N, C-alpha and C. Protein backbone atom coordinates (compact mmCIF):
# COMPACT_ATOMS: atom_id res chain seq x y z
N MET A 1 26.30 -30.20 -4.14
CA MET A 1 26.80 -30.34 -2.79
C MET A 1 25.77 -29.90 -1.71
N LEU A 2 24.78 -28.86 -2.04
CA LEU A 2 23.79 -28.62 -1.35
C LEU A 2 22.82 -29.79 -1.24
N ARG A 3 22.59 -30.29 -2.22
CA ARG A 3 21.54 -31.50 -2.53
C ARG A 3 21.99 -32.61 -1.42
N ASP A 4 23.26 -32.96 -1.70
CA ASP A 4 23.69 -34.06 -0.77
C ASP A 4 23.63 -33.58 0.61
N GLY A 5 23.81 -32.38 1.08
CA GLY A 5 23.60 -31.88 2.45
C GLY A 5 22.31 -31.87 2.64
N ILE A 6 21.25 -31.79 1.91
CA ILE A 6 20.09 -31.84 2.43
C ILE A 6 19.45 -33.58 2.89
N ALA A 7 20.15 -34.13 1.82
CA ALA A 7 19.97 -35.65 2.44
C ALA A 7 20.66 -36.00 3.65
N LYS A 8 21.73 -35.40 3.89
CA LYS A 8 22.22 -35.72 5.16
C LYS A 8 21.67 -34.93 6.68
N GLY A 9 20.87 -33.81 6.26
CA GLY A 9 20.29 -33.42 7.55
C GLY A 9 20.79 -31.92 7.62
N VAL A 10 20.12 -31.48 8.75
CA VAL A 10 20.36 -29.99 9.26
C VAL A 10 21.78 -29.67 9.36
N ASP A 11 22.46 -30.39 10.08
CA ASP A 11 23.90 -30.06 10.42
C ASP A 11 24.67 -29.78 9.02
N ALA A 12 24.37 -30.78 8.17
CA ALA A 12 25.22 -30.87 6.92
C ALA A 12 24.73 -29.49 6.10
N ILE A 13 23.66 -29.31 6.11
CA ILE A 13 23.14 -27.88 5.44
C ILE A 13 23.84 -26.75 5.99
N LYS A 14 23.74 -26.65 7.43
CA LYS A 14 24.62 -25.48 8.00
C LYS A 14 26.02 -25.58 7.70
N GLY A 15 26.67 -26.65 7.83
CA GLY A 15 28.04 -26.78 7.57
C GLY A 15 28.37 -26.29 6.14
N ILE A 16 27.62 -26.68 5.07
CA ILE A 16 28.01 -26.23 3.73
C ILE A 16 27.51 -24.80 3.65
N LEU A 17 26.50 -24.32 4.25
CA LEU A 17 26.37 -22.77 3.90
C LEU A 17 27.81 -22.01 4.62
N LYS A 18 27.94 -22.52 5.66
CA LYS A 18 29.18 -21.61 6.49
C LYS A 18 30.22 -21.74 5.77
N ARG A 19 30.54 -22.46 4.71
CA ARG A 19 31.67 -22.48 3.87
C ARG A 19 31.50 -21.50 2.36
N TRP A 20 30.25 -20.81 2.46
CA TRP A 20 30.00 -20.18 1.18
C TRP A 20 29.79 -18.63 1.58
N GLY A 21 29.86 -17.71 0.68
CA GLY A 21 29.39 -16.31 1.01
C GLY A 21 27.76 -16.43 0.53
N GLU A 22 27.38 -15.18 0.97
CA GLU A 22 25.95 -14.79 0.82
C GLU A 22 25.39 -15.05 -0.54
N ASP A 23 26.45 -14.45 -1.51
CA ASP A 23 25.93 -14.53 -3.07
C ASP A 23 25.99 -15.90 -3.60
N LEU A 24 26.73 -16.88 -3.14
CA LEU A 24 26.72 -18.16 -3.50
C LEU A 24 25.59 -18.91 -2.79
N ARG A 25 25.39 -18.76 -1.72
CA ARG A 25 24.29 -19.34 -1.06
C ARG A 25 22.82 -19.11 -1.73
N TRP A 26 22.56 -17.71 -2.08
CA TRP A 26 21.43 -17.11 -2.73
C TRP A 26 21.19 -17.88 -4.11
N GLN A 27 22.49 -17.90 -4.90
CA GLN A 27 22.51 -18.55 -6.36
C GLN A 27 22.21 -19.96 -6.33
N THR A 28 22.77 -20.42 -5.35
CA THR A 28 22.70 -22.16 -5.29
C THR A 28 20.98 -22.38 -4.94
N VAL A 29 20.30 -21.70 -4.08
CA VAL A 29 19.10 -21.71 -3.51
C VAL A 29 18.01 -21.67 -5.04
N LEU A 30 18.57 -20.46 -5.60
CA LEU A 30 17.81 -20.18 -6.87
C LEU A 30 18.12 -21.06 -7.69
N GLU A 31 19.12 -21.98 -8.05
CA GLU A 31 19.26 -23.14 -8.99
C GLU A 31 18.54 -24.34 -8.38
N LEU A 32 18.62 -24.49 -6.99
CA LEU A 32 17.63 -25.65 -6.42
C LEU A 32 16.42 -25.36 -6.64
N GLU A 33 15.69 -24.42 -6.42
CA GLU A 33 14.55 -23.86 -6.98
C GLU A 33 14.07 -24.29 -8.47
N ALA A 34 14.79 -24.18 -9.12
CA ALA A 34 14.70 -24.47 -10.55
C ALA A 34 14.59 -25.91 -10.90
N LEU A 35 15.55 -26.74 -10.36
CA LEU A 35 15.86 -27.79 -10.67
C LEU A 35 15.35 -29.00 -9.87
N ALA A 36 14.96 -28.50 -8.47
CA ALA A 36 14.87 -29.56 -7.53
C ALA A 36 13.78 -28.93 -6.55
N ALA A 37 12.78 -28.14 -7.09
CA ALA A 37 11.94 -27.46 -6.04
C ALA A 37 11.35 -28.46 -4.91
N PRO A 38 10.66 -29.65 -5.04
CA PRO A 38 10.26 -30.52 -3.98
C PRO A 38 11.28 -30.56 -2.88
N GLU A 39 12.71 -30.78 -3.08
CA GLU A 39 13.67 -30.90 -2.12
C GLU A 39 13.64 -29.68 -1.39
N LEU A 40 13.73 -28.38 -2.02
CA LEU A 40 13.87 -27.23 -1.27
C LEU A 40 12.65 -26.95 -0.53
N ARG A 41 11.24 -27.51 -0.94
CA ARG A 41 10.21 -27.28 -0.11
C ARG A 41 10.48 -28.24 1.32
N ARG A 42 10.96 -29.38 1.22
CA ARG A 42 11.30 -30.23 2.33
C ARG A 42 12.26 -29.26 3.23
N VAL A 43 13.21 -28.97 2.66
CA VAL A 43 14.23 -27.78 3.62
C VAL A 43 13.49 -26.92 4.38
N GLU A 44 12.50 -26.19 3.45
CA GLU A 44 11.81 -25.01 4.16
C GLU A 44 10.95 -25.55 5.34
N GLN A 45 10.35 -26.73 5.05
CA GLN A 45 9.60 -27.13 6.12
C GLN A 45 10.36 -27.63 7.51
N ALA A 46 11.55 -28.41 7.42
CA ALA A 46 12.47 -28.91 8.26
C ALA A 46 13.06 -27.85 8.70
N VAL A 47 13.50 -26.84 8.13
CA VAL A 47 14.14 -25.81 8.77
C VAL A 47 13.79 -24.34 8.41
N PRO A 48 12.63 -23.85 9.41
CA PRO A 48 11.95 -22.68 9.04
C PRO A 48 12.95 -21.57 8.79
N GLN A 49 14.28 -21.52 9.45
CA GLN A 49 15.07 -20.57 9.47
C GLN A 49 15.96 -20.50 8.12
N PHE A 50 15.74 -21.40 7.53
CA PHE A 50 16.68 -21.63 6.32
C PHE A 50 17.03 -20.52 5.71
N TYR A 51 15.97 -19.67 5.13
CA TYR A 51 16.52 -18.60 4.61
C TYR A 51 17.21 -17.24 5.34
N GLN A 52 17.02 -17.31 6.59
CA GLN A 52 17.70 -16.65 7.41
C GLN A 52 19.30 -16.90 7.25
N TRP A 53 19.49 -18.19 7.29
CA TRP A 53 20.95 -18.83 6.99
C TRP A 53 21.67 -18.29 5.89
N LEU A 54 21.02 -17.82 4.94
CA LEU A 54 21.34 -17.38 3.69
C LEU A 54 22.20 -15.94 3.86
N SER A 55 21.88 -15.32 4.96
CA SER A 55 22.63 -14.05 5.44
C SER A 55 23.85 -14.35 6.14
N GLU A 56 24.99 -13.79 5.64
CA GLU A 56 26.23 -13.96 6.42
C GLU A 56 26.23 -13.43 7.91
N GLU A 57 25.22 -12.42 8.01
CA GLU A 57 25.05 -11.79 9.20
C GLU A 57 24.29 -12.65 10.25
N VAL A 58 23.62 -13.70 9.91
CA VAL A 58 22.98 -14.62 10.63
C VAL A 58 24.08 -15.81 10.87
N LEU A 59 24.49 -16.18 9.59
CA LEU A 59 25.34 -17.53 9.80
C LEU A 59 26.81 -17.23 9.03
N PRO A 60 27.63 -16.57 9.87
CA PRO A 60 28.95 -16.16 9.24
C PRO A 60 29.71 -17.10 8.57
N ILE A 61 30.39 -16.98 7.58
CA ILE A 61 31.23 -17.89 6.95
C ILE A 61 32.40 -18.29 8.21
N GLU A 62 32.83 -19.58 7.99
CA GLU A 62 33.52 -20.01 9.00
C GLU A 62 35.07 -19.63 8.99
N GLY A 63 35.61 -19.16 9.87
CA GLY A 63 37.12 -18.39 10.10
C GLY A 63 37.15 -16.97 9.80
N TYR A 64 35.83 -16.34 9.60
CA TYR A 64 35.94 -14.92 9.49
C TYR A 64 35.26 -14.33 10.81
């Protein structure tokens, strides 16, 4: 799902992360690192605050 969001842009990435808890966010990023590191590097370049968004304090789950 996150890989599809990456292809659609920053708003899509943010929208996906808002539906997930912090543990799932980190788990997904670690899996993405193992499976598609070049895609993750592109996200890091396009969204410098990406890793901050993995925190629920910075990007709360929608509806909470």
